[in-house]
């Protein structure tokens, strides 16, 4: 039953309600004609033209009346469920994954690394001068800054990487099958691209700055808490060095 439901929803997404309803109508007409022809063949009678007309008209009228609203409702339900799924896993402001979903994915990645002796890296990004943008340019500009930084991060990381809003002006990354050196290359590009942003206010221009700390799964960091603690220490190191840096 679940497989059938999945197949129907996938077909609706691919072809749409109208095309599916038309297809079902033609199928019903074909079945109706086959049944009518079969009955007349069994009775050893030649089917009159009226029989063909009735066999075509009845499903042609009834099928759309039943199939179109039915498939329309299924499509609406599918769209609603997908929206709810998106809301449950993403941060509304930035479009990044939310914290809860991130840790669910991170727990799976940790289990995979333990089982197959793999590696992954976690990085924490902090918006160094987010408060300055809020104070000088207003909260709307602050929200826009968070969205633009999030967009830069999502465009820079790979499709297989996991990016989420950690809370407030902090974001977090998980790089599967990636050591610190490889992760740093990606993170450094993010720092450079964020530095290219600029926000104007009556008090002057504010250029966003971010600090990032990164740490990898390894013999001395075998739990998410341990990796996050080391990444947070690396983040603090970046801030102590003046920000706008990636530390490890």
Foldseek 3Di string as FASTA:
>chain_A
DVVVLVVLQVVCVVQNLVVVLVVVLVVQLVVLVVVLVVVCVVVVHDDDPVSNVVSNPPSNPVSSVPRNVVSVVSNVVVVVVVVVVQVVFADPLQSAGAQVNVVVVVVVLLVVCVVVVAKKKKKKKAWPCLVVCCVFVNVVSSSVLLNVLSVLLVVLDDPPKHKGAHDDRMIMIMGGRDAPVRVQVSVLVSLVVQQPDWDQGPVGIDRIFMFMFMHMDDPVQSDPVSNVVRRVVQSVVCVVVPGSHYGD
